[in-house]
Amino acid sequence: MIMKKLIIVFFSLLIFYNETSAQEFKFLLDEQLSSKLISDIYQDSDGFLWISTDNGLNRFDGNKVKSYNHDESDSLSLCHNIVIGTFEDHNGDLYVGNYLGIQLYNKATDNFSKKAVRENGDPFEETVNGFCELPDGTLCSFGDNTWKITNKNGQPIIERLEWDINTSSIFRIACDNQNNIWALKRDVGLYKIRNGKSRFICEFNNDEFYTYDFRLVNGIVYIITVDNDIYHYDSDSDKIVKVNKGPISKASIRDIIQYDENNLLVCTDGNGFKIVNRITGDVSEFYLNIPLLTSNHLKIHKAIRDQFGNLWLGLYQKGVAVISATQNAFGYIGYKSLLNNIIGNSTTSAICKDKTGNIWVGTDGDGIYRMNNDATESVHFPSH
């Protein structure tokens, strides 16, 4: 079932109640996932969220999570449980990168291809850091080496990608909206590649900063340094320019996404979120109202916005938090709530409000719950 809208999700095990104070935080995916250690979050063209972990791959359809793991007896299961990430190409083919190579997801059969092989049929067993689709439609993976990937009758075939630079040890590749390819080589530096010709942009370790990573956000290249500063490449002046005026974080920067027209949302590994104004360079705190979690101490390793603007956060060893793009007058009660799990885990079958204001919730197999008027406490009458 294609996920129609993530911000209006009616789970079978919850009910909603009206509250006067709207809350951005929607729910947390944790125990439903195969692991709370998140490596990547990706949304495909059907709206499914693919959550990669150190113990399998998870697909969230807006209602439930399905987990995929390696099975020794099944050649069409994941070939390894350490999943690095997923990527959908322009043909709608979904690729999975893991500790032992690359597989292709089969939508019709809901399983995976055999492991990718090289052109000569030899096995391909390299760790993949990520995927990128190049301006000419070529899909490539990067990691220990950079590879071109083709789908031949449902089997990924791997061949070496040739540029005029050595394509080994490329840590990240991204393409901007001007058909430029950006590639970061560990211990070397950042390159801009166009029509197969590379141009060296900045050294990995230069007089001003030591490059840690980079992100491409709305067509702009942002360089992350070891000192947790952010620089951007100014194409007009052909220079690398520092973005932030003051310090951003004592913890390392793990991800950057667009917050609004002028601001970047910066994810850190222990200092939560920061807002950096890309025009003025001002840095400010960004607090999330997530119950039981201290916002400014969160380790946020991945952040994406889905097609409806909701924010999905990969929290280190805590799962995935979902922040709604819009505030509304509905709160959440149910097993995915951190505070309002007061009606058990069974399917809700009936709801009624009595004359005194109590709310009675009938369940399928777990009896009846009586909640007080503000839905903060309940009394359970179990079935016998």
Protein backbone atom coordinates (compact mmCIF):
# COMPACT_ATOMS: atom_id res chain seq x y z
CA MET A 1 0.00 0.00 0.00
CA ILE A 2 1.39 3.34 -1.02
CA MET A 3 1.76 5.76 1.84
CA LYS A 4 -0.57 8.65 1.07
CA LYS A 5 0.21 11.13 3.80
CA LEU A 6 2.62 10.77 6.68
CA ILE A 7 1.33 13.59 8.85
CA ILE A 8 -2.14 12.09 9.02
CA VAL A 9 -1.38 8.56 10.17
CA PHE A 10 -4.15 6.51 11.77
CA PHE A 11 -2.55 3.60 13.57
CA SER A 12 -4.74 0.64 14.46
CA LEU A 13 -3.48 0.68 18.03
CA LEU A 14 -4.14 4.29 18.98
CA ILE A 15 -6.71 7.01 19.25
CA PHE A 16 -6.36 10.78 18.94
CA TYR A 17 -7.65 13.36 21.36
CA ASN A 18 -8.12 17.09 21.15
CA GLU A 19 -5.69 19.20 23.11
CA THR A 20 -5.41 22.97 23.38
CA SER A 21 -1.63 23.04 23.14
CA ALA A 22 -0.33 21.73 19.80
CA GLN A 23 2.89 19.75 19.88
CA GLU A 24 5.29 19.38 16.98
CA PHE A 25 6.58 15.96 18.01
CA LYS A 26 4.41 13.21 16.52
CA PHE A 27 5.82 9.80 17.40
CA LEU A 28 8.95 7.72 17.80
CA LEU A 29 9.81 4.56 15.91
CA ASP A 30 12.05 2.53 18.19
CA GLU A 31 10.99 -0.90 19.39
CA GLN A 32 9.30 -1.56 16.03
CA LEU A 33 12.65 -1.25 14.21
CA SER A 34 15.15 -4.07 13.81
CA SER A 35 17.71 -1.82 15.55
CA LYS A 36 17.84 1.66 17.07
CA LEU A 37 21.23 2.35 15.51
CA ILE A 38 20.22 4.23 12.35
CA SER A 39 22.63 4.66 9.43
CA ASP A 40 20.28 6.16 6.84
CA ILE A 41 16.67 7.25 6.17
CA TYR A 42 15.40 7.43 2.60
CA GLN A 43 11.99 8.01 1.01
CA ASP A 44 11.21 6.35 -2.32
CA SER A 45 8.83 7.56 -5.03
CA ASP A 46 5.97 5.48 -3.57
CA GLY A 47 6.28 7.32 -0.24
CA PHE A 48 7.78 4.42 1.72
CA LEU A 49 10.43 5.31 4.29
CA TRP A 50 13.45 2.97 4.22
CA ILE A 51 15.39 2.98 7.49
CA SER A 52 18.83 1.37 7.35
CA THR A 53 20.36 0.03 10.57
CA ASP A 54 23.23 -2.08 11.85
CA ASN A 55 20.82 -5.01 12.12
CA GLY A 56 18.69 -5.03 8.99
CA LEU A 57 16.54 -2.82 6.79
CA ASN A 58 13.11 -1.43 7.76
CA ARG A 59 10.26 -0.16 5.58
CA PHE A 60 7.65 2.14 7.10
CA ASP A 61 4.40 2.53 5.14
CA GLY A 62 2.76 5.14 7.38
CA ASN A 63 1.08 2.48 9.50
CA LYS A 64 3.52 -0.28 10.31
CA VAL A 65 7.17 -1.23 10.04
CA LYS A 66 8.36 -4.27 8.13
CA SER A 67 11.88 -5.48 8.83
CA TYR A 68 14.19 -7.32 6.45
CA ASN A 69 17.14 -9.37 7.68
CA HIS A 70 19.71 -11.81 6.41
CA ASP A 71 18.52 -15.43 6.34
CA GLU A 72 21.12 -18.12 5.71
CA SER A 73 18.49 -20.38 4.13
CA ASP A 74 17.11 -17.69 1.78
CA SER A 75 19.32 -16.52 -1.10
CA LEU A 76 16.87 -13.66 -1.79
CA SER A 77 17.12 -12.15 1.69
CA LEU A 78 19.56 -9.40 2.63
CA CYS A 79 23.10 -10.62 2.09
CA HIS A 80 24.24 -8.83 5.28
CA ASN A 81 22.45 -7.22 8.22
CA ILE A 82 24.68 -4.14 8.38
CA VAL A 83 22.85 -1.87 5.93
CA ILE A 84 24.51 1.41 4.92
CA GLY A 85 21.72 2.95 2.86
CA THR A 86 19.20 2.75 0.01
CA PHE A 87 18.75 4.69 -3.22
CA GLU A 88 16.13 4.77 -5.99
CA ASP A 89 17.28 5.56 -9.54
CA HIS A 90 15.34 7.30 -12.31
CA ASN A 91 13.86 3.95 -13.40
CA GLY A 92 12.32 3.39 -9.97
CA ASP A 93 14.78 0.62 -9.07
CA LEU A 94 15.67 0.59 -5.37
CA TYR A 95 19.24 -0.41 -4.49
CA VAL A 96 20.48 -1.48 -1.08
CA GLY A 97 24.08 -0.99 0.01
CA ASN A 98 25.40 -3.09 2.85
CA TYR A 99 28.56 -4.43 4.43
CA LEU A 100 29.02 -7.07 1.72
CA GLY A 101 27.98 -5.22 -1.40
CA ILE A 102 24.84 -4.20 -3.31
CA GLN A 103 21.42 -5.74 -3.89
CA LEU A 104 18.30 -4.72 -5.80
CA TYR A 105 14.89 -4.72 -4.12
CA ASN A 106 12.13 -6.52 -6.05
CA LYS A 107 8.82 -4.70 -5.45
CA ALA A 108 6.72 -7.46 -7.00
CA THR A 109 8.08 -10.26 -4.81
CA ASP A 110 9.09 -8.14 -1.78
CA ASN A 111 12.58 -9.63 -1.62
CA PHE A 112 16.06 -8.91 -2.91
CA SER A 113 18.28 -9.89 -5.80
CA LYS A 114 21.40 -11.95 -5.36
CA LYS A 115 24.49 -9.94 -4.53
CA ALA A 116 25.92 -7.73 -7.24
CA VAL A 117 28.66 -9.25 -9.39
CA ARG A 118 31.38 -7.79 -11.56
CA GLU A 119 31.17 -7.82 -15.34
CA ASN A 120 33.17 -11.04 -15.52
CA GLY A 121 30.86 -12.77 -13.04
CA ASP A 122 33.22 -12.54 -10.04
CA PRO A 123 31.55 -11.73 -6.72
CA PHE A 124 31.47 -8.11 -5.57
CA GLU A 125 31.94 -7.86 -1.80
CA GLU A 126 32.91 -4.30 -0.94
CA THR A 127 31.37 -2.05 1.69
CA VAL A 128 29.31 0.72 0.08
CA ASN A 129 29.25 4.19 1.68
CA GLY A 130 26.43 5.48 -0.51
CA PHE A 131 24.91 5.98 -3.95
CA CYS A 132 24.61 8.85 -6.41
CA GLU A 133 22.92 9.20 -9.79
CA LEU A 134 25.14 11.18 -12.16
CA PRO A 135 23.84 13.81 -14.61
CA ASP A 136 23.87 11.32 -17.50
CA GLY A 137 21.68 8.88 -15.52
CA THR A 138 24.52 6.59 -14.50
CA LEU A 139 24.08 5.14 -11.03
CA CYS A 140 27.28 4.84 -9.03
CA SER A 141 28.30 3.67 -5.58
CA PHE A 142 31.21 5.02 -3.62
CA GLY A 143 33.38 3.71 -0.79
CA ASP A 144 36.67 1.86 -1.08
CA ASN A 145 36.24 2.34 -4.84
CA THR A 146 33.73 4.03 -7.14
CA TRP A 147 31.58 1.75 -9.28
CA LYS A 148 29.06 2.06 -12.08
CA ILE A 149 25.92 -0.02 -11.44
CA THR A 150 23.58 -1.40 -14.09
CA ASN A 151 20.45 -3.51 -13.71
CA LYS A 152 20.55 -6.51 -16.02
CA ASN A 153 17.34 -8.49 -15.66
CA GLY A 154 17.12 -7.82 -11.93
CA GLN A 155 20.79 -8.52 -11.23
CA PRO A 156 23.08 -5.60 -10.31
CA ILE A 157 26.25 -5.62 -12.42
CA ILE A 158 29.30 -3.67 -11.27
CA GLU A 159 32.06 -2.11 -13.34
CA ARG A 160 34.78 0.38 -12.50
CA LEU A 161 33.84 4.03 -13.03
CA GLU A 162 36.62 5.91 -14.80
CA TRP A 163 37.34 9.60 -14.37
CA ASP A 164 40.56 11.53 -14.82
CA ILE A 165 41.23 11.15 -11.09
CA ASN A 166 41.81 8.02 -9.06
CA THR A 167 38.33 6.90 -7.99
CA SER A 168 39.41 4.87 -4.98
CA SER A 169 38.72 6.05 -1.42
CA ILE A 170 36.01 8.53 -2.42
CA PHE A 171 34.08 9.26 0.76
CA ARG A 172 31.10 11.07 -0.78
CA ILE A 173 29.69 11.98 -4.20
CA ALA A 174 26.83 14.39 -4.95
CA CYS A 175 25.50 16.19 -8.05
CA ASP A 176 24.30 19.77 -8.12
CA ASN A 177 21.61 21.31 -10.33
CA GLN A 178 24.23 22.57 -12.82
CA ASN A 179 25.25 19.00 -13.78
CA ASN A 180 28.45 19.21 -11.76
CA ILE A 181 29.66 16.17 -9.83
CA TRP A 182 31.27 16.79 -6.44
CA ALA A 183 33.59 14.15 -5.00
CA LEU A 184 35.46 14.15 -1.68
CA LYS A 185 38.57 11.96 -1.50
CA ARG A 186 39.82 11.18 1.97
CA ASP A 187 43.23 12.76 2.71
CA VAL A 188 43.22 14.50 -0.69
CA GLY A 189 40.40 17.00 -1.05
CA LEU A 190 37.24 18.09 -2.83
CA TYR A 191 36.88 17.87 -6.62
CA LYS A 192 34.34 19.29 -9.04
CA ILE A 193 33.85 17.08 -12.09
CA ARG A 194 32.09 18.06 -15.30
CA ASN A 195 31.94 16.04 -18.51
CA GLY A 196 34.51 13.64 -17.09
CA LYS A 197 37.05 16.40 -16.37
CA SER A 198 37.94 17.12 -12.76
CA ARG A 199 38.95 20.34 -11.07
CA PHE A 200 40.52 20.47 -7.63
CA ILE A 201 38.55 22.83 -5.36
CA CYS A 202 40.19 22.57 -1.95
CA GLU A 203 42.71 20.43 -0.13
CA PHE A 204 41.64 18.03 2.56
CA ASN A 205 43.99 19.73 4.99
CA ASN A 206 44.72 23.34 4.07
CA ASP A 207 45.92 26.41 5.91
CA GLU A 208 42.43 27.40 7.02
CA PHE A 209 40.58 24.16 7.85
CA TYR A 210 40.63 20.38 7.82
CA THR A 211 37.79 18.93 5.72
CA TYR A 212 35.61 16.33 7.43
CA ASP A 213 32.69 15.93 5.02
CA PHE A 214 30.40 17.88 2.72
CA ARG A 215 26.70 18.17 1.90
CA LEU A 216 24.89 19.45 -1.16
CA VAL A 217 21.86 21.46 -0.02
CA ASN A 218 19.59 23.09 -2.60
CA GLY A 219 22.42 23.17 -5.13
CA ILE A 220 24.96 24.70 -2.74
CA VAL A 221 28.05 22.79 -1.60
CA TYR A 222 28.64 23.04 2.16
CA ILE A 223 31.95 21.81 3.54
CA ILE A 224 32.02 20.49 7.10
CA THR A 225 35.32 20.83 8.93
CA VAL A 226 36.90 18.88 11.76
CA ASP A 227 36.51 21.99 13.94
CA ASN A 228 32.73 21.91 13.26
CA ASP A 229 32.61 24.96 11.06
CA ILE A 230 30.70 25.18 7.77
CA TYR A 231 32.05 26.67 4.55
CA HIS A 232 30.34 26.98 1.20
CA TYR A 233 31.66 27.12 -2.34
CA ASP A 234 30.88 30.49 -3.95
CA SER A 235 30.75 29.85 -7.69
CA ASP A 236 30.78 33.59 -8.51
CA SER A 237 34.09 34.25 -6.75
CA ASP A 238 35.32 30.65 -7.13
CA LYS A 239 36.24 30.67 -3.45
CA ILE A 240 35.47 28.71 -0.28
CA VAL A 241 33.70 31.04 2.15
CA LYS A 242 33.00 30.47 5.84
CA VAL A 243 29.29 30.45 6.68
CA ASN A 244 29.04 30.61 10.49
CA LYS A 245 30.29 33.60 12.49
CA GLY A 246 30.59 31.91 15.87
CA PRO A 247 31.02 28.29 16.99
CA ILE A 248 28.27 25.88 16.00
CA SER A 249 28.84 22.88 18.22
CA LYS A 250 31.39 21.17 20.42
CA ALA A 251 30.19 17.86 18.98
CA SER A 252 30.85 16.86 15.38
CA ILE A 253 28.39 17.86 12.65
CA ARG A 254 26.65 14.82 11.17
CA ASP A 255 24.16 16.26 8.68
CA ILE A 256 22.86 19.50 7.16
CA ILE A 257 19.47 20.13 5.57
CA GLN A 258 17.53 23.23 4.53
CA TYR A 259 15.31 24.64 7.28
CA ASP A 260 13.85 27.60 5.39
CA GLU A 261 14.95 29.98 2.66
CA ASN A 262 17.82 31.52 4.65
CA ASN A 263 18.55 28.98 7.38
CA LEU A 264 20.28 25.63 7.62
CA LEU A 265 19.32 22.96 10.12
CA VAL A 266 22.53 21.39 11.43
CA CYS A 267 22.53 17.97 13.13
CA THR A 268 25.24 17.26 15.68
CA ASP A 269 26.58 14.22 17.47
CA GLY A 270 25.61 15.25 20.99
CA ASN A 271 24.58 18.93 20.89
CA GLY A 272 21.20 18.45 19.24
CA PHE A 273 20.13 20.82 16.46
CA LYS A 274 21.53 24.22 15.54
CA ILE A 275 20.16 26.83 13.17
CA VAL A 276 22.75 28.58 11.01
CA ASN A 277 21.70 31.58 8.94
CA ARG A 278 23.54 31.14 5.66
CA ILE A 279 23.26 34.87 4.91
CA THR A 280 24.31 36.46 8.22
CA GLY A 281 26.24 33.53 9.71
CA ASP A 282 24.33 33.75 12.98
CA VAL A 283 24.05 30.52 15.00
CA SER A 284 21.09 29.78 17.27
CA GLU A 285 19.63 26.88 19.21
CA PHE A 286 16.80 24.80 17.82
CA TYR A 287 14.76 23.01 20.48
CA LEU A 288 12.52 20.07 19.83
CA ASN A 289 9.64 19.22 22.11
CA ILE A 290 10.36 15.49 22.32
CA PRO A 291 9.10 14.00 25.60
CA LEU A 292 11.69 12.31 27.84
CA LEU A 293 14.57 13.35 25.56
CA THR A 294 16.87 16.31 26.17
CA SER A 295 16.83 18.17 22.88
CA ASN A 296 20.19 19.92 23.12
CA HIS A 297 22.01 16.68 24.01
CA LEU A 298 20.63 14.54 21.20
CA LYS A 299 22.92 12.70 18.82
CA ILE A 300 21.27 13.17 15.43
CA HIS A 301 23.02 11.20 12.72
CA LYS A 302 20.56 11.66 9.86
CA ALA A 303 17.78 14.06 8.93
CA ILE A 304 15.49 14.22 5.91
CA ARG A 305 12.28 16.00 5.00
CA ASP A 306 9.66 13.83 3.35
CA GLN A 307 7.47 14.89 0.46
CA PHE A 308 5.02 16.57 2.87
CA GLY A 309 7.67 18.53 4.77
CA ASN A 310 7.74 16.32 7.88
CA LEU A 311 11.13 15.96 9.52
CA TRP A 312 12.53 12.45 10.09
CA LEU A 313 15.43 12.21 12.51
CA GLY A 314 17.79 9.29 12.98
CA LEU A 315 18.63 9.47 16.70
CA TYR A 316 21.69 7.53 17.85
CA GLN A 317 20.55 4.37 19.65
CA LYS A 318 17.04 5.82 20.14
CA GLY A 319 15.35 5.13 16.80
CA VAL A 320 13.61 7.56 14.46
CA ALA A 321 11.66 10.60 15.64
CA VAL A 322 9.07 12.25 13.39
CA ILE A 323 8.39 15.98 13.63
CA SER A 324 5.25 17.22 11.90
CA ALA A 325 5.50 19.96 9.29
CA THR A 326 2.29 21.51 10.58
CA GLN A 327 0.90 21.99 14.04
CA ASN A 328 -2.67 20.96 14.68
CA ALA A 329 -5.15 20.41 17.49
CA PHE A 330 -4.63 16.66 17.73
CA GLY A 331 -2.51 14.86 20.27
CA TYR A 332 -1.57 11.22 20.22
CA ILE A 333 -2.42 8.32 22.53
CA GLY A 334 -1.08 4.85 21.88
CA TYR A 335 1.85 2.50 21.98
CA LYS A 336 4.11 4.78 19.89
CA SER A 337 3.76 7.61 22.41
CA LEU A 338 6.52 8.30 24.91
CA LEU A 339 4.10 9.78 27.45
CA ASN A 340 0.54 8.82 26.51
CA ASN A 341 0.73 5.04 26.18
CA ILE A 342 -2.22 4.51 28.52
CA ILE A 343 -4.52 2.30 26.41
CA GLY A 344 -2.37 -0.77 25.82
CA ASN A 345 -1.20 -2.27 22.54
CA SER A 346 -4.35 -3.82 21.15
CA THR A 347 -6.58 -2.58 18.35
CA THR A 348 -9.11 0.07 19.39
CA SER A 349 -12.63 -1.10 18.60
CA ALA A 350 -14.87 1.51 20.27
CA ILE A 351 -14.70 4.93 21.97
CA CYS A 352 -17.38 6.56 24.14
CA LYS A 353 -17.53 9.59 26.43
CA ASP A 354 -19.77 9.36 29.51
CA LYS A 355 -21.68 12.13 31.31
CA THR A 356 -18.85 12.77 33.78
CA GLY A 357 -16.34 13.39 31.01
CA ASN A 358 -14.51 10.08 31.20
CA ILE A 359 -13.52 8.47 27.92
CA TRP A 360 -14.07 4.71 27.58
CA VAL A 361 -11.94 2.81 25.09
CA GLY A 362 -12.87 -0.69 24.00
CA THR A 363 -10.12 -2.91 22.61
CA ASP A 364 -9.85 -6.15 20.71
CA GLY A 365 -8.75 -8.67 23.33
CA ASP A 366 -7.47 -6.33 26.06
CA GLY A 367 -10.68 -5.29 27.74
CA ILE A 368 -11.72 -1.69 28.39
CA TYR A 369 -9.79 1.41 29.45
CA ARG A 370 -11.35 4.39 31.21
CA MET A 371 -9.44 7.64 30.69
CA ASN A 372 -9.93 10.89 32.57
CA ASN A 373 -11.08 13.99 30.70
CA ASP A 374 -7.58 15.32 29.87
CA ALA A 375 -6.36 11.86 28.78
CA THR A 376 -3.47 11.73 31.26
CA GLU A 377 -4.54 8.72 33.35
CA SER A 378 -6.47 5.54 32.77
CA VAL A 379 -7.99 2.59 34.63
CA HIS A 380 -7.78 -0.82 32.94
CA PHE A 381 -10.63 -3.35 33.09
CA PRO A 382 -9.08 -6.44 31.49
CA SER A 383 -11.12 -9.08 29.70
CA HIS A 384 -11.46 -12.51 31.32
